[in-house]
Amino acid sequence: MKNIQVIDGARNCRYPIYSATDDEFAIIFPGEGQDIEFIEDAICRVEKVKLEGVMRRIWSREIEKPQVLGIHGTLFYELDFKKVFYPTKKEAGMVFSLK
């Protein structure tokens, strides 16, 4: 199982963490070493019914933060403007400033 932190554009976002199977994780984060994804990109890439099923299962497995042993991926909702900071969709490749 892998842990995914969800960050959305809502002012009251609480940054929950969910557990995903390795197969579910690979559907959302398909790239080699990828640990950043934007839901809008996943929606364009994955068949709607399949993605809805995956997300429904993941939403049922929220983990309380004191129980989390690592975060393997971050899934952004409604934060497309952050894409410029993650050109490789890897946290390690984050661009901290734009010229």
PDB file of N, CA and C in Angstrom:
ATOM      1  N   MET A   1       0.847  -1.179   0.000  1.00  0.00           N
ATOM      2  CA  MET A   1       0.000   0.000   0.000  1.00  0.00           C
ATOM      3  C   MET A   1       0.889   1.236   0.000  1.00  0.00           C
ATOM      4  N   LYS A   2       0.382   2.273  -0.658  1.00  0.00           N
ATOM      5  CA  LYS A   2       1.090   3.545  -0.722  1.00  0.00           C
ATOM      6  C   LYS A   2       0.153   4.645  -0.256  1.00  0.00           C
ATOM      7  N   ASN A   3       0.722   5.674   0.328  1.00  0.00           N
ATOM      8  CA  ASN A   3      -0.063   6.779   0.877  1.00  0.00           C
ATOM      9  C   ASN A   3      -0.047   7.982  -0.060  1.00  0.00           C
ATOM     10  N   ILE A   4      -1.230   8.571  -0.243  1.00  0.00           N
ATOM     11  CA  ILE A   4      -1.398   9.734  -1.110  1.00  0.00           C
ATOM     12  C   ILE A   4      -1.976  10.872  -0.287  1.00  0.00           C
ATOM     13  N   GLN A   5      -1.307  12.018  -0.316  1.00  0.00           N
ATOM     14  CA  GLN A   5      -1.856  13.200   0.330  1.00  0.00           C
ATOM     15  C   GLN A   5      -2.603  14.011  -0.722  1.00  0.00           C
ATOM     16  N   VAL A   6      -3.799  14.445  -0.376  1.00  0.00           N
ATOM     17  CA  VAL A   6      -4.629  15.217  -1.292  1.00  0.00           C
ATOM     18  C   VAL A   6      -4.626  16.674  -0.856  1.00  0.00           C
ATOM     19  N   ILE A   7      -4.303  17.547  -1.807  1.00  0.00           N
ATOM     20  CA  ILE A   7      -4.309  18.984  -1.546  1.00  0.00           C
ATOM     21  C   ILE A   7      -5.229  19.606  -2.579  1.00  0.00           C
ATOM     22  N   ASP A   8      -6.252  20.296  -2.120  1.00  0.00           N
ATOM     23  CA  ASP A   8      -7.161  20.926  -3.085  1.00  0.00           C
ATOM     24  C   ASP A   8      -7.200  22.427  -2.898  1.00  0.00           C
ATOM     25  N   GLY A   9      -7.880  23.069  -3.824  1.00  0.00           N
ATOM     26  CA  GLY A   9      -7.914  24.520  -3.856  1.00  0.00           C
ATOM     27  C   GLY A   9      -8.876  25.167  -2.873  1.00  0.00           C
ATOM     28  N   ALA A  10      -9.582  24.382  -2.102  1.00  0.00           N
ATOM     29  CA  ALA A  10     -10.530  24.949  -1.147  1.00  0.00           C
ATOM     30  C   ALA A  10      -9.805  25.674  -0.015  1.00  0.00           C
ATOM     31  N   ARG A  11     -10.369  26.755   0.441  1.00  0.00           N
ATOM     32  CA  ARG A  11      -9.764  27.493   1.561  1.00  0.00           C
ATOM     33  C   ARG A  11      -9.719  26.649   2.822  1.00  0.00           C
ATOM     34  N   ASN A  12     -10.664  25.733   2.964  1.00  0.00           N
ATOM     35  CA  ASN A  12     -10.736  24.917   4.169  1.00  0.00           C
ATOM     36  C   ASN A  12     -10.181  23.507   3.953  1.00  0.00           C
ATOM     37  N   CYS A  13      -9.281  23.348   3.013  1.00  0.00           N
ATOM     38  CA  CYS A  13      -8.685  22.042   2.742  1.00  0.00           C
ATOM     39  C   CYS A  13      -7.929  21.563   3.984  1.00  0.00           C
ATOM     40  N   ARG A  14      -8.081  20.294   4.300  1.00  0.00           N
ATOM     41  CA  ARG A  14      -7.420  19.758   5.487  1.00  0.00           C
ATOM     42  C   ARG A  14      -6.274  18.809   5.168  1.00  0.00           C
ATOM     43  N   TYR A  15      -5.921  18.611   3.905  1.00  0.00           N
ATOM     44  CA  TYR A  15      -4.778  17.807   3.470  1.00  0.00           C
ATOM     45  C   TYR A  15      -4.832  16.360   3.977  1.00  0.00           C
ATOM     46  N   PRO A  16      -5.900  15.651   3.691  1.00  0.00           N
ATOM     47  CA  PRO A  16      -6.022  14.270   4.165  1.00  0.00           C
ATOM     48  C   PRO A  16      -5.062  13.333   3.438  1.00  0.00           C
ATOM     49  N   ILE A  17      -4.841  12.184   4.039  1.00  0.00           N
ATOM     50  CA  ILE A  17      -3.968  11.162   3.463  1.00  0.00           C
ATOM     51  C   ILE A  17      -4.775   9.871   3.345  1.00  0.00           C
ATOM     52  N   TYR A  18      -4.629   9.233   2.189  1.00  0.00           N
ATOM     53  CA  TYR A  18      -5.368   8.011   1.888  1.00  0.00           C
ATOM     54  C   TYR A  18      -4.405   6.919   1.469  1.00  0.00           C
ATOM     55  N   SER A  19      -4.806   5.696   1.716  1.00  0.00           N
ATOM     56  CA  SER A  19      -4.022   4.542   1.323  1.00  0.00           C
ATOM     57  C   SER A  19      -4.513   4.017  -0.023  1.00  0.00           C
ATOM     58  N   ALA A  20      -3.578   3.683  -0.911  1.00  0.00           N
ATOM     59  CA  ALA A  20      -3.905   3.146  -2.228  1.00  0.00           C
ATOM     60  C   ALA A  20      -3.103   1.862  -2.443  1.00  0.00           C
ATOM     61  N   THR A  21      -3.710   0.924  -3.136  1.00  0.00           N
ATOM     62  CA  THR A  21      -2.949  -0.266  -3.506  1.00  0.00           C
ATOM     63  C   THR A  21      -1.882   0.148  -4.509  1.00  0.00           C
ATOM     64  N   ASP A  22      -0.918  -0.715  -4.734  1.00  0.00           N
ATOM     65  CA  ASP A  22       0.123  -0.412  -5.720  1.00  0.00           C
ATOM     66  C   ASP A  22      -0.489  -0.206  -7.106  1.00  0.00           C
ATOM     67  N   ASP A  23      -1.487  -1.002  -7.465  1.00  0.00           N
ATOM     68  CA  ASP A  23      -2.144  -0.854  -8.770  1.00  0.00           C
ATOM     69  C   ASP A  23      -2.893   0.469  -8.873  1.00  0.00           C
ATOM     70  N   GLU A  24      -3.614   0.844  -7.815  1.00  0.00           N
ATOM     71  CA  GLU A  24      -4.333   2.120  -7.809  1.00  0.00           C
ATOM     72  C   GLU A  24      -3.350   3.285  -7.911  1.00  0.00           C
ATOM     73  N   PHE A  25      -2.262   3.194  -7.167  1.00  0.00           N
ATOM     74  CA  PHE A  25      -1.249   4.244  -7.190  1.00  0.00           C
ATOM     75  C   PHE A  25      -0.691   4.403  -8.605  1.00  0.00           C
ATOM     76  N   ALA A  26      -0.412   3.287  -9.273  1.00  0.00           N
ATOM     77  CA  ALA A  26       0.152   3.327 -10.627  1.00  0.00           C
ATOM     78  C   ALA A  26      -0.812   3.939 -11.638  1.00  0.00           C
ATOM     79  N   ILE A  27      -2.103   3.822 -11.414  1.00  0.00           N
ATOM     80  CA  ILE A  27      -3.083   4.440 -12.302  1.00  0.00           C
ATOM     81  C   ILE A  27      -3.036   5.961 -12.150  1.00  0.00           C
ATOM     82  N   ILE A  28      -2.897   6.427 -10.929  1.00  0.00           N
ATOM     83  CA  ILE A  28      -2.880   7.870 -10.676  1.00  0.00           C
ATOM     84  C   ILE A  28      -1.508   8.470 -10.976  1.00  0.00           C
ATOM     85  N   PHE A  29      -0.457   7.766 -10.638  1.00  0.00           N
ATOM     86  CA  PHE A  29       0.922   8.237 -10.817  1.00  0.00           C
ATOM     87  C   PHE A  29       1.649   7.272 -11.764  1.00  0.00           C
ATOM     88  N   PRO A  30       1.397   7.363 -13.073  1.00  0.00           N
ATOM     89  CA  PRO A  30       1.897   6.348 -14.006  1.00  0.00           C
ATOM     90  C   PRO A  30       3.378   6.461 -14.384  1.00  0.00           C
ATOM     91  N   GLY A  31       3.980   7.612 -14.190  1.00  0.00           N
ATOM     92  CA  GLY A  31       5.360   7.809 -14.621  1.00  0.00           C
ATOM     93  C   GLY A  31       6.369   7.163 -13.691  1.00  0.00           C
ATOM     94  N   GLU A  32       7.511   6.808 -14.228  1.00  0.00           N
ATOM     95  CA  GLU A  32       8.605   6.242 -13.435  1.00  0.00           C
ATOM     96  C   GLU A  32       9.028   7.250 -12.365  1.00  0.00           C
ATOM     97  N   GLY A  33       8.897   6.878 -11.101  1.00  0.00           N
ATOM     98  CA  GLY A  33       9.280   7.763 -10.008  1.00  0.00           C
ATOM     99  C   GLY A  33       8.340   8.929  -9.773  1.00  0.00           C
ATOM    100  N   GLN A  34       7.227   8.968 -10.478  1.00  0.00           N
ATOM    101  CA  GLN A  34       6.277  10.086 -10.344  1.00  0.00           C
ATOM    102  C   GLN A  34       5.644  10.069  -8.962  1.00  0.00           C
ATOM    103  N   ASP A  35       5.618  11.230  -8.312  1.00  0.00           N
ATOM    104  CA  ASP A  35       4.966  11.339  -7.005  1.00  0.00           C
ATOM    105  C   ASP A  35       4.093  12.585  -6.898  1.00  0.00           C
ATOM    106  N   ILE A  36       3.879  13.262  -8.030  1.00  0.00           N
ATOM    107  CA  ILE A  36       2.998  14.432  -8.099  1.00  0.00           C
ATOM    108  C   ILE A  36       2.016  14.201  -9.243  1.00  0.00           C
ATOM    109  N   GLU A  37       0.737  14.484  -9.002  1.00  0.00           N
ATOM    110  CA  GLU A  37      -0.250  14.428 -10.085  1.00  0.00           C
ATOM    111  C   GLU A  37      -1.328  15.469  -9.829  1.00  0.00           C
ATOM    112  N   PHE A  38      -1.919  15.898 -10.913  1.00  0.00           N
ATOM    113  CA  PHE A  38      -3.037  16.838 -10.878  1.00  0.00           C
ATOM    114  C   PHE A  38      -4.257  16.077 -11.363  1.00  0.00           C
ATOM    115  N   ILE A  39      -5.341  16.129 -10.598  1.00  0.00           N
ATOM    116  CA  ILE A  39      -6.515  15.332 -10.929  1.00  0.00           C
ATOM    117  C   ILE A  39      -7.008  15.629 -12.339  1.00  0.00           C
ATOM    118  N   GLU A  40      -6.859  16.864 -12.783  1.00  0.00           N
ATOM    119  CA  GLU A  40      -7.302  17.220 -14.126  1.00  0.00           C
ATOM    120  C   GLU A  40      -6.532  16.429 -15.183  1.00  0.00           C
ATOM    121  N   ASP A  41      -5.252  16.180 -14.953  1.00  0.00           N
ATOM    122  CA  ASP A  41      -4.455  15.380 -15.884  1.00  0.00           C
ATOM    123  C   ASP A  41      -4.884  13.913 -15.838  1.00  0.00           C
ATOM    124  N   ALA A  42      -5.148  13.414 -14.642  1.00  0.00           N
ATOM    125  CA  ALA A  42      -5.605  12.023 -14.513  1.00  0.00           C
ATOM    126  C   ALA A  42      -6.943  11.839 -15.213  1.00  0.00           C
ATOM    127  N   ILE A  43      -7.824  12.812 -15.096  1.00  0.00           N
ATOM    128  CA  ILE A  43      -9.135  12.736 -15.751  1.00  0.00           C
ATOM    129  C   ILE A  43      -8.965  12.663 -17.269  1.00  0.00           C
ATOM    130  N   CYS A  44      -8.034  13.399 -17.811  1.00  0.00           N
ATOM    131  CA  CYS A  44      -7.786  13.370 -19.266  1.00  0.00           C
ATOM    132  C   CYS A  44      -7.146  12.054 -19.706  1.00  0.00           C
ATOM    133  N   ARG A  45      -6.398  11.425 -18.827  1.00  0.00           N
ATOM    134  CA  ARG A  45      -5.619  10.242 -19.171  1.00  0.00           C
ATOM    135  C   ARG A  45      -6.353   8.921 -18.930  1.00  0.00           C
ATOM    136  N   VAL A  46      -7.155   8.855 -17.876  1.00  0.00           N
ATOM    137  CA  VAL A  46      -7.779   7.594 -17.455  1.00  0.00           C
ATOM    138  C   VAL A  46      -9.262   7.617 -17.784  1.00  0.00           C
ATOM    139  N   GLU A  47      -9.773   6.478 -18.247  1.00  0.00           N
ATOM    140  CA  GLU A  47     -11.199   6.348 -18.532  1.00  0.00           C
ATOM    141  C   GLU A  47     -12.000   6.754 -17.294  1.00  0.00           C
ATOM    142  N   LYS A  48     -13.035   7.558 -17.485  1.00  0.00           N
ATOM    143  CA  LYS A  48     -13.809   8.144 -16.394  1.00  0.00           C
ATOM    144  C   LYS A  48     -14.317   7.098 -15.395  1.00  0.00           C
ATOM    145  N   VAL A  49     -14.926   6.049 -15.886  1.00  0.00           N
ATOM    146  CA  VAL A  49     -15.497   5.026 -14.990  1.00  0.00           C
ATOM    147  C   VAL A  49     -14.401   4.358 -14.177  1.00  0.00           C
ATOM    148  N   LYS A  50     -13.272   4.084 -14.818  1.00  0.00           N
ATOM    149  CA  LYS A  50     -12.155   3.441 -14.127  1.00  0.00           C
ATOM    150  C   LYS A  50     -11.596   4.355 -13.030  1.00  0.00           C
ATOM    151  N   LEU A  51     -11.383   5.628 -13.362  1.00  0.00           N
ATOM    152  CA  LEU A  51     -10.840   6.569 -12.391  1.00  0.00           C
ATOM    153  C   LEU A  51     -11.807   6.776 -11.226  1.00  0.00           C
ATOM    154  N   GLU A  52     -13.087   6.884 -11.523  1.00  0.00           N
ATOM    155  CA  GLU A  52     -14.076   7.040 -10.447  1.00  0.00           C
ATOM    156  C   GLU A  52     -14.038   5.852  -9.500  1.00  0.00           C
ATOM    157  N   GLY A  53     -13.917   4.648 -10.025  1.00  0.00           N
ATOM    158  CA  GLY A  53     -13.844   3.455  -9.182  1.00  0.00           C
ATOM    159  C   GLY A  53     -12.602   3.454  -8.311  1.00  0.00           C
ATOM    160  N   VAL A  54     -11.483   3.799  -8.909  1.00  0.00           N
ATOM    161  CA  VAL A  54     -10.226   3.864  -8.165  1.00  0.00           C
ATOM    162  C   VAL A  54     -10.342   4.886  -7.035  1.00  0.00           C
ATOM    163  N   MET A  55     -10.836   6.072  -7.361  1.00  0.00           N
ATOM    164  CA  MET A  55     -10.928   7.120  -6.343  1.00  0.00           C
ATOM    165  C   MET A  55     -11.932   6.754  -5.251  1.00  0.00           C
ATOM    166  N   ARG A  56     -13.022   6.123  -5.612  1.00  0.00           N
ATOM    167  CA  ARG A  56     -14.013   5.705  -4.605  1.00  0.00           C
ATOM    168  C   ARG A  56     -13.372   4.746  -3.594  1.00  0.00           C
ATOM    169  N   ARG A  57     -12.586   3.811  -4.095  1.00  0.00           N
ATOM    170  CA  ARG A  57     -11.919   2.864  -3.183  1.00  0.00           C
ATOM    171  C   ARG A  57     -10.885   3.584  -2.309  1.00  0.00           C
ATOM    172  N   ILE A  58     -10.123   4.483  -2.921  1.00  0.00           N
ATOM    173  CA  ILE A  58      -9.112   5.219  -2.156  1.00  0.00           C
ATOM    174  C   ILE A  58      -9.775   6.077  -1.084  1.00  0.00           C
ATOM    175  N   TRP A  59     -10.873   6.777  -1.421  1.00  0.00           N
ATOM    176  CA  TRP A  59     -11.548   7.641  -0.437  1.00  0.00           C
ATOM    177  C   TRP A  59     -12.023   6.840   0.776  1.00  0.00           C
ATOM    178  N   SER A  60     -12.244   5.559   0.621  1.00  0.00           N
ATOM    179  CA  SER A  60     -12.718   4.745   1.742  1.00  0.00           C
ATOM    180  C   SER A  60     -11.588   4.353   2.690  1.00  0.00           C
ATOM    181  N   ARG A  61     -10.352   4.714   2.339  1.00  0.00           N
ATOM    182  CA  ARG A  61      -9.202   4.306   3.156  1.00  0.00           C
ATOM    183  C   ARG A  61      -8.400   5.507   3.663  1.00  0.00           C
ATOM    184  N   GLU A  62      -9.077   6.433   4.301  1.00  0.00           N
ATOM    185  CA  GLU A  62      -8.363   7.567   4.886  1.00  0.00           C
ATOM    186  C   GLU A  62      -7.550   7.077   6.081  1.00  0.00           C
ATOM    187  N   ILE A  63      -6.373   7.664   6.230  1.00  0.00           N
ATOM    188  CA  ILE A  63      -5.475   7.303   7.330  1.00  0.00           C
ATOM    189  C   ILE A  63      -5.320   8.519   8.234  1.00  0.00           C
ATOM    190  N   GLU A  64      -5.450   8.308   9.520  1.00  0.00           N
ATOM    191  CA  GLU A  64      -5.198   9.383  10.470  1.00  0.00           C
ATOM    192  C   GLU A  64      -3.711   9.716  10.438  1.00  0.00           C
ATOM    193  N   LYS A  65      -3.372  10.988  10.432  1.00  0.00           N
ATOM    194  CA  LYS A  65      -1.987  11.408  10.256  1.00  0.00           C
ATOM    195  C   LYS A  65      -1.006  10.777  11.253  1.00  0.00           C
ATOM    196  N   PRO A  66      -1.367  10.594  12.534  1.00  0.00           N
ATOM    197  CA  PRO A  66      -0.404   9.952  13.438  1.00  0.00           C
ATOM    198  C   PRO A  66      -0.074   8.505  13.039  1.00  0.00           C
ATOM    199  N   GLN A  67      -0.912   7.894  12.204  1.00  0.00           N
ATOM    200  CA  GLN A  67      -0.699   6.512  11.781  1.00  0.00           C
ATOM    201  C   GLN A  67       0.087   6.391  10.472  1.00  0.00           C
ATOM    202  N   VAL A  68       0.340   7.514   9.808  1.00  0.00           N
ATOM    203  CA  VAL A  68       0.986   7.510   8.493  1.00  0.00           C
ATOM    204  C   VAL A  68       2.485   7.230   8.627  1.00  0.00           C
ATOM    205  N   LEU A  69       2.948   6.286   7.811  1.00  0.00           N
ATOM    206  CA  LEU A  69       4.375   5.986   7.749  1.00  0.00           C
ATOM    207  C   LEU A  69       4.853   6.312   6.336  1.00  0.00           C
ATOM    208  N   GLY A  70       4.958   7.598   6.048  1.00  0.00           N
ATOM    209  CA  GLY A  70       5.425   8.050   4.751  1.00  0.00           C
ATOM    210  C   GLY A  70       4.307   8.462   3.822  1.00  0.00           C
ATOM    211  N   ILE A  71       4.623   9.397   2.951  1.00  0.00           N
ATOM    212  CA  ILE A  71       3.700   9.852   1.905  1.00  0.00           C
ATOM    213  C   ILE A  71       4.409   9.572   0.586  1.00  0.00           C
ATOM    214  N   HIS A  72       3.750   8.813  -0.267  1.00  0.00           N
ATOM    215  CA  HIS A  72       4.357   8.377  -1.520  1.00  0.00           C
ATOM    216  C   HIS A  72       3.965   9.235  -2.714  1.00  0.00           C
ATOM    217  N   GLY A  73       2.874   9.996  -2.579  1.00  0.00           N
ATOM    218  CA  GLY A  73       2.432  10.834  -3.678  1.00  0.00           C
ATOM    219  C   GLY A  73       1.539  11.957  -3.192  1.00  0.00           C
ATOM    220  N   THR A  74       1.487  13.028  -3.992  1.00  0.00           N
ATOM    221  CA  THR A  74       0.623  14.170  -3.711  1.00  0.00           C
ATOM    222  C   THR A  74      -0.290  14.364  -4.907  1.00  0.00           C
ATOM    223  N   LEU A  75      -1.590  14.431  -4.634  1.00  0.00           N
ATOM    224  CA  LEU A  75      -2.594  14.620  -5.676  1.00  0.00           C
ATOM    225  C   LEU A  75      -3.240  15.986  -5.468  1.00  0.00           C
ATOM    226  N   PHE A  76      -3.069  16.871  -6.463  1.00  0.00           N
ATOM    227  CA  PHE A  76      -3.619  18.217  -6.396  1.00  0.00           C
ATOM    228  C   PHE A  76      -4.972  18.278  -7.096  1.00  0.00           C
ATOM    229  N   TYR A  77      -5.902  19.002  -6.496  1.00  0.00           N
ATOM    230  CA  TYR A  77      -7.217  19.286  -7.071  1.00  0.00           C
ATOM    231  C   TYR A  77      -7.358  20.794  -7.220  1.00  0.00           C
ATOM    232  N   GLU A  78      -7.797  21.228  -8.379  1.00  0.00           N
ATOM    233  CA  GLU A  78      -8.104  22.641  -8.630  1.00  0.00           C
ATOM    234  C   GLU A  78      -6.917  23.558  -8.346  1.00  0.00           C
ATOM    235  N   LEU A  79      -5.732  23.070  -8.613  1.00  0.00           N
ATOM    236  CA  LEU A  79      -4.525  23.873  -8.389  1.00  0.00           C
ATOM    237  C   LEU A  79      -3.614  23.803  -9.613  1.00  0.00           C
ATOM    238  N   ASP A  80      -4.220  23.935 -10.785  1.00  0.00           N
ATOM    239  CA  ASP A  80      -3.466  23.866 -12.039  1.00  0.00           C
ATOM    240  C   ASP A  80      -2.303  24.847 -12.099  1.00  0.00           C
ATOM    241  N   PHE A  81      -2.420  25.988 -11.439  1.00  0.00           N
ATOM    242  CA  PHE A  81      -1.352  26.984 -11.500  1.00  0.00           C
ATOM    243  C   PHE A  81      -0.043  26.448 -10.918  1.00  0.00           C
ATOM    244  N   LYS A  82      -0.096  25.386 -10.132  1.00  0.00           N
ATOM    245  CA  LYS A  82       1.109  24.805  -9.548  1.00  0.00           C
ATOM    246  C   LYS A  82       1.872  23.914 -10.530  1.00  0.00           C
ATOM    247  N   LYS A  83       1.281  23.616 -11.675  1.00  0.00           N
ATOM    248  CA  LYS A  83       1.942  22.733 -12.638  1.00  0.00           C
ATOM    249  C   LYS A  83       3.311  23.245 -13.059  1.00  0.00           C
ATOM    250  N   VAL A  84       3.459  24.552 -13.159  1.00  0.00           N
ATOM    251  CA  VAL A  84       4.755  25.107 -13.580  1.00  0.00           C
ATOM    252  C   VAL A  84       5.869  24.790 -12.579  1.00  0.00           C
ATOM    253  N   PHE A  85       5.517  24.526 -11.349  1.00  0.00           N
ATOM    254  CA  PHE A  85       6.498  24.214 -10.321  1.00  0.00           C
ATOM    255  C   PHE A  85       6.897  22.737 -10.317  1.00  0.00           C
ATOM    256  N   TYR A  86       6.112  21.903 -10.996  1.00  0.00           N
ATOM    257  CA  TYR A  86       6.360  20.462 -11.025  1.00  0.00           C
ATOM    258  C   TYR A  86       6.442  19.958 -12.470  1.00  0.00           C
ATOM    259  N   PRO A  87       7.397  20.444 -13.256  1.00  0.00           N
ATOM    260  CA  PRO A  87       7.459  20.056 -14.671  1.00  0.00           C
ATOM    261  C   PRO A  87       7.723  18.568 -14.885  1.00  0.00           C
ATOM    262  N   THR A  88       8.375  17.914 -13.930  1.00  0.00           N
ATOM    263  CA  THR A  88       8.676  16.483 -14.061  1.00  0.00           C
ATOM    264  C   THR A  88       7.656  15.607 -13.337  1.00  0.00           C
ATOM    265  N   LYS A  89       6.727  16.248 -12.635  1.00  0.00           N
ATOM    266  CA  LYS A  89       5.751  15.561 -11.782  1.00  0.00           C
ATOM    267  C   LYS A  89       6.445  14.689 -10.728  1.00  0.00           C
ATOM    268  N   LYS A  90       7.603  15.192 -10.300  1.00  0.00           N
ATOM    269  CA  LYS A  90       8.351  14.574  -9.207  1.00  0.00           C
ATOM    270  C   LYS A  90       8.698  15.666  -8.217  1.00  0.00           C
ATOM    271  N   GLU A  91       8.463  15.395  -6.958  1.00  0.00           N
ATOM    272  CA  GLU A  91       8.763  16.386  -5.926  1.00  0.00           C
ATOM    273  C   GLU A  91      10.230  16.816  -5.980  1.00  0.00           C
ATOM    274  N   ALA A  92      11.112  15.869  -6.262  1.00  0.00           N
ATOM    275  CA  ALA A  92      12.530  16.174  -6.323  1.00  0.00           C
ATOM    276  C   ALA A  92      12.873  17.130  -7.474  1.00  0.00           C
ATOM    277  N   GLY A  93      12.012  17.213  -8.476  1.00  0.00           N
ATOM    278  CA  GLY A  93      12.253  18.099  -9.608  1.00  0.00           C
ATOM    279  C   GLY A  93      11.523  19.424  -9.521  1.00  0.00           C
ATOM    280  N   MET A  94      11.043  19.757  -8.326  1.00  0.00           N
ATOM    281  CA  MET A  94      10.268  20.989  -8.170  1.00  0.00           C
ATOM    282  C   MET A  94      11.106  22.216  -8.495  1.00  0.00           C
ATOM    283  N   VAL A  95      10.489  23.150  -9.213  1.00  0.00           N
ATOM    284  CA  VAL A  95      11.101  24.428  -9.546  1.00  0.00           C
ATOM    285  C   VAL A  95      10.635  25.424  -8.497  1.00  0.00           C
ATOM    286  N   PHE A  96      11.576  25.994  -7.751  1.00  0.00           N
ATOM    287  CA  PHE A  96      11.197  26.879  -6.652  1.00  0.00           C
ATOM    288  C   PHE A  96      10.941  28.318  -7.082  1.00  0.00           C
ATOM    289  N   SER A  97      11.498  28.718  -8.213  1.00  0.00           N
ATOM    290  CA  SER A  97      11.235  30.072  -8.692  1.00  0.00           C
ATOM    291  C   SER A  97      11.202  30.039 -10.215  1.00  0.00           C
ATOM    292  N   LEU A  98      10.420  30.923 -10.766  1.00  0.00           N
ATOM    293  CA  LEU A  98      10.297  31.022 -12.212  1.00  0.00           C
ATOM    294  C   LEU A  98      11.009  32.280 -12.679  1.00  0.00           C
ATOM    295  N   LYS A  99      11.707  32.163 -13.765  1.00  0.00           N
ATOM    296  CA  LYS A  99      12.444  33.330 -14.287  1.00  0.00           C
ATOM    297  C   LYS A  99      11.637  34.033 -15.307  1.00  0.00           C
TER     298      LYS A  99
END
